[in-house]
Protein backbone atom coordinates (compact mmCIF):
# COMPACT_ATOMS: atom_id res chain seq x y z
CA MET A 1 -71.01 -48.07 114.09
CA VAL A 2 -74.48 -46.27 113.14
CA TYR A 3 -72.80 -43.89 110.43
CA ARG A 4 -71.04 -47.02 108.27
CA THR A 5 -74.46 -49.00 108.32
CA VAL A 6 -76.10 -45.75 107.07
CA LEU A 7 -73.44 -45.66 104.46
CA LYS A 8 -73.64 -49.15 103.31
CA THR A 9 -77.31 -49.46 103.28
CA CYS A 10 -78.01 -45.79 101.51
CA CYS A 11 -75.65 -45.66 98.72
CA SER A 12 -74.50 -48.61 96.52
CA HIS A 13 -70.79 -46.76 96.13
CA PRO A 14 -70.69 -44.23 99.34
CA PRO A 15 -68.15 -41.70 97.94
CA THR A 16 -65.02 -41.44 99.16
CA LEU A 17 -64.35 -38.93 101.98
CA PHE A 18 -60.77 -36.79 102.11
CA ALA A 19 -60.06 -35.45 104.97
CA LEU A 20 -57.17 -32.55 106.44
CA ILE A 21 -57.28 -32.48 109.90
CA ILE A 22 -55.21 -29.38 111.83
CA GLY A 23 -54.85 -29.47 115.51
CA ILE A 24 -52.46 -26.98 117.50
CA SER A 25 -52.37 -27.13 121.15
CA ARG A 26 -48.96 -25.80 121.73
CA TYR A 27 -47.64 -22.62 119.64
CA LYS A 28 -44.08 -21.79 118.96
CA HIS A 29 -44.62 -18.24 120.26
CA PRO A 30 -44.67 -17.92 123.96
CA GLU A 31 -47.14 -14.94 124.07
CA VAL A 32 -49.70 -17.44 122.00
CA PRO A 33 -51.69 -19.24 124.57
CA ASP A 34 -51.58 -22.83 124.58
CA LEU A 35 -54.91 -25.09 123.59
CA PRO A 36 -54.51 -28.03 125.44
CA GLY A 37 -57.72 -29.85 123.67
CA ALA A 38 -57.36 -28.97 120.08
CA VAL A 39 -54.95 -32.39 119.73
CA LYS A 40 -57.12 -34.15 121.64
CA ASP A 41 -60.18 -33.00 119.39
CA VAL A 42 -58.27 -33.89 116.28
CA ASN A 43 -57.19 -37.09 117.94
CA ALA A 44 -61.07 -37.75 118.41
CA VAL A 45 -62.28 -36.19 114.85
CA VAL A 46 -59.22 -38.94 113.15
CA THR A 47 -60.77 -41.68 115.29
CA PHE A 48 -64.26 -41.00 114.46
CA LEU A 49 -63.44 -41.25 110.55
CA SER A 50 -61.46 -44.12 110.65
CA SER A 51 -63.55 -46.20 113.38
CA ASP A 52 -67.12 -44.99 112.18
CA LEU A 53 -66.37 -44.02 108.50
CA ASP A 54 -64.39 -46.66 107.44
CA VAL A 55 -61.77 -43.62 106.06
CA SER A 56 -58.94 -45.21 105.18
CA GLU A 57 -55.61 -43.51 106.63
CA ASP A 58 -54.27 -42.48 103.24
CA ARG A 59 -57.04 -40.50 102.79
CA ILE A 60 -56.41 -38.64 105.75
CA VAL A 61 -53.50 -35.94 106.28
CA ILE A 62 -53.13 -34.75 109.88
CA LEU A 63 -50.65 -31.55 111.20
CA ARG A 64 -50.47 -31.44 114.92
CA ASP A 65 -48.78 -28.54 116.83
CA LYS A 66 -44.94 -28.33 115.11
CA GLN A 67 -46.12 -30.09 111.95
CA ALA A 68 -49.17 -27.35 111.57
CA THR A 69 -46.45 -24.54 110.41
CA ARG A 70 -48.78 -21.56 107.71
CA LYS A 71 -46.34 -23.12 104.93
CA ALA A 72 -47.31 -26.82 105.68
CA VAL A 73 -51.12 -26.26 106.41
CA LEU A 74 -51.12 -24.08 102.84
CA GLU A 75 -49.12 -26.74 100.89
CA ALA A 76 -51.68 -29.61 102.54
CA LEU A 77 -54.61 -27.38 101.28
CA ARG A 78 -53.39 -26.62 97.64
CA ARG A 79 -52.54 -30.56 97.51
CA LEU A 80 -56.33 -31.23 97.70
CA ALA A 81 -56.58 -29.50 94.57
CA GLN A 82 -54.12 -31.14 92.79
CA ASP A 83 -54.94 -35.38 94.18
CA ASP A 84 -55.96 -37.27 91.40
CA THR A 85 -57.39 -39.82 93.65
CA ILE A 86 -60.05 -37.13 94.42
CA ASN A 87 -63.04 -37.52 92.32
CA THR A 88 -65.62 -34.87 91.35
CA GLN A 89 -68.16 -34.81 94.37
CA ASP A 90 -66.12 -36.94 96.68
CA PRO A 91 -66.63 -35.37 100.14
CA ILE A 92 -63.58 -33.13 101.54
CA LEU A 93 -63.23 -32.45 105.09
CA VAL A 94 -61.08 -29.74 106.32
CA TYR A 95 -61.19 -29.15 109.93
CA TYR A 96 -59.05 -26.85 112.16
CA ALA A 97 -58.89 -27.08 115.94
CA GLY A 98 -56.63 -23.95 116.89
CA HIS A 99 -56.65 -19.67 117.70
CA GLY A 100 -57.80 -17.49 115.19
CA GLY A 101 -57.43 -13.76 114.81
CA GLU A 102 -58.08 -10.89 113.04
CA ALA A 103 -55.62 -8.03 112.03
CA PRO A 104 -56.06 -4.90 109.81
CA PRO A 105 -55.54 -5.70 106.15
CA PRO A 106 -52.84 -4.78 103.80
CA LYS A 107 -52.80 -1.46 102.26
CA ASP A 108 -54.35 -3.01 98.68
CA TRP A 109 -56.53 -5.47 100.32
CA VAL A 110 -60.17 -5.06 100.93
CA ALA A 111 -61.36 -6.48 104.17
CA SER A 112 -65.13 -7.78 103.69
CA SER A 113 -65.99 -7.67 107.62
CA PRO A 114 -68.14 -4.91 109.40
CA ASN A 115 -64.99 -3.86 111.86
CA GLY A 116 -62.67 -3.62 108.91
CA MET A 117 -60.62 -6.34 109.64
CA ILE A 118 -59.02 -9.47 108.20
CA GLN A 119 -59.89 -12.79 109.92
CA MET A 120 -56.95 -15.60 110.22
CA LEU A 121 -56.51 -18.45 111.16
CA VAL A 122 -53.36 -18.61 113.44
CA PRO A 123 -50.34 -21.72 112.64
CA TYR A 124 -47.94 -23.27 114.70
CA ASP A 125 -45.17 -20.59 114.11
CA PHE A 126 -47.54 -17.67 113.82
CA SER A 127 -45.72 -14.33 115.68
CA PHE A 128 -47.32 -11.22 116.52
CA GLU A 129 -44.88 -9.52 114.77
CA GLY A 130 -46.02 -10.48 111.36
CA SER A 131 -43.22 -10.18 108.41
CA LYS A 132 -42.89 -8.85 104.88
CA ASP A 133 -42.31 -12.52 103.52
CA HIS A 134 -44.98 -14.49 105.37
CA LYS A 135 -42.90 -16.12 107.78
CA GLY A 136 -44.92 -15.92 111.23
CA GLN A 137 -47.92 -14.40 109.34
CA GLY A 138 -51.66 -15.78 109.99
CA ILE A 139 -53.58 -17.62 107.34
CA PHE A 140 -55.86 -14.86 105.80
CA ASP A 141 -59.47 -15.27 105.46
CA ILE A 142 -59.07 -14.42 101.55
CA THR A 143 -56.11 -17.01 101.09
CA LEU A 144 -58.06 -19.69 102.63
CA SER A 145 -61.30 -18.56 100.47
CA ARG A 146 -59.24 -18.82 97.20
CA ILE A 147 -57.65 -21.96 97.96
CA LEU A 148 -61.08 -23.76 98.79
CA ASN A 149 -62.62 -22.24 95.78
CA ASP A 150 -59.59 -23.60 93.87
CA ILE A 151 -60.32 -26.95 95.46
CA ALA A 152 -64.17 -26.86 94.53
CA ILE A 153 -63.11 -25.83 91.34
CA LYS A 154 -60.79 -28.65 90.48
CA LYS A 155 -62.08 -31.85 92.41
CA SER A 156 -65.20 -30.87 94.62
CA ASP A 157 -67.57 -28.55 95.73
CA ASN A 158 -68.44 -30.91 98.33
CA ILE A 159 -66.24 -29.45 100.77
CA ALA A 160 -66.80 -29.24 104.70
CA SER A 161 -64.52 -26.74 106.80
CA PRO A 162 -66.24 -26.56 110.09
CA PHE A 163 -63.84 -24.43 111.74
CA LEU A 164 -65.55 -24.94 115.00
CA ASN A 165 -62.44 -24.99 117.47
CA ILE A 166 -61.43 -21.25 116.28
CA VAL A 167 -60.56 -19.44 119.82
CA GLY A 168 -59.51 -15.66 119.21
CA THR A 169 -56.15 -14.73 120.08
């Protein structure tokens, strides 16, 4: 309630928030441990956005568990850059609750982390075996960075991406 009042009193035309909310409590691969609180966190964020900030449901994309495949997450992120309803400087929230991990980079990549590894989000359909055609792979930091940069260039650089609930695998 307080947030809604602040937005209404501080801004004559508050910007419209858009959100991509991703939470994975149960993973397809049996070796990836479940995270029972991830979907609960996602539900709490969605409730906060809709109830406290009055964000309409059509501006919130939610991917839970089986919906949060590598392909679906990447497509949802890329759609943000193409969404005609997002205006310059509209805030965009990308929230991820799930596992994160790291891996050695492919031969032609340079890792920016001190340990020489690339960081990644672990989607629902992640497999420790990986693959050559991206199935089962994580969402690498460089991929995520490029997509977020594309969103910033095409739509808005007012992007919050609190990947605060990442748990290492």
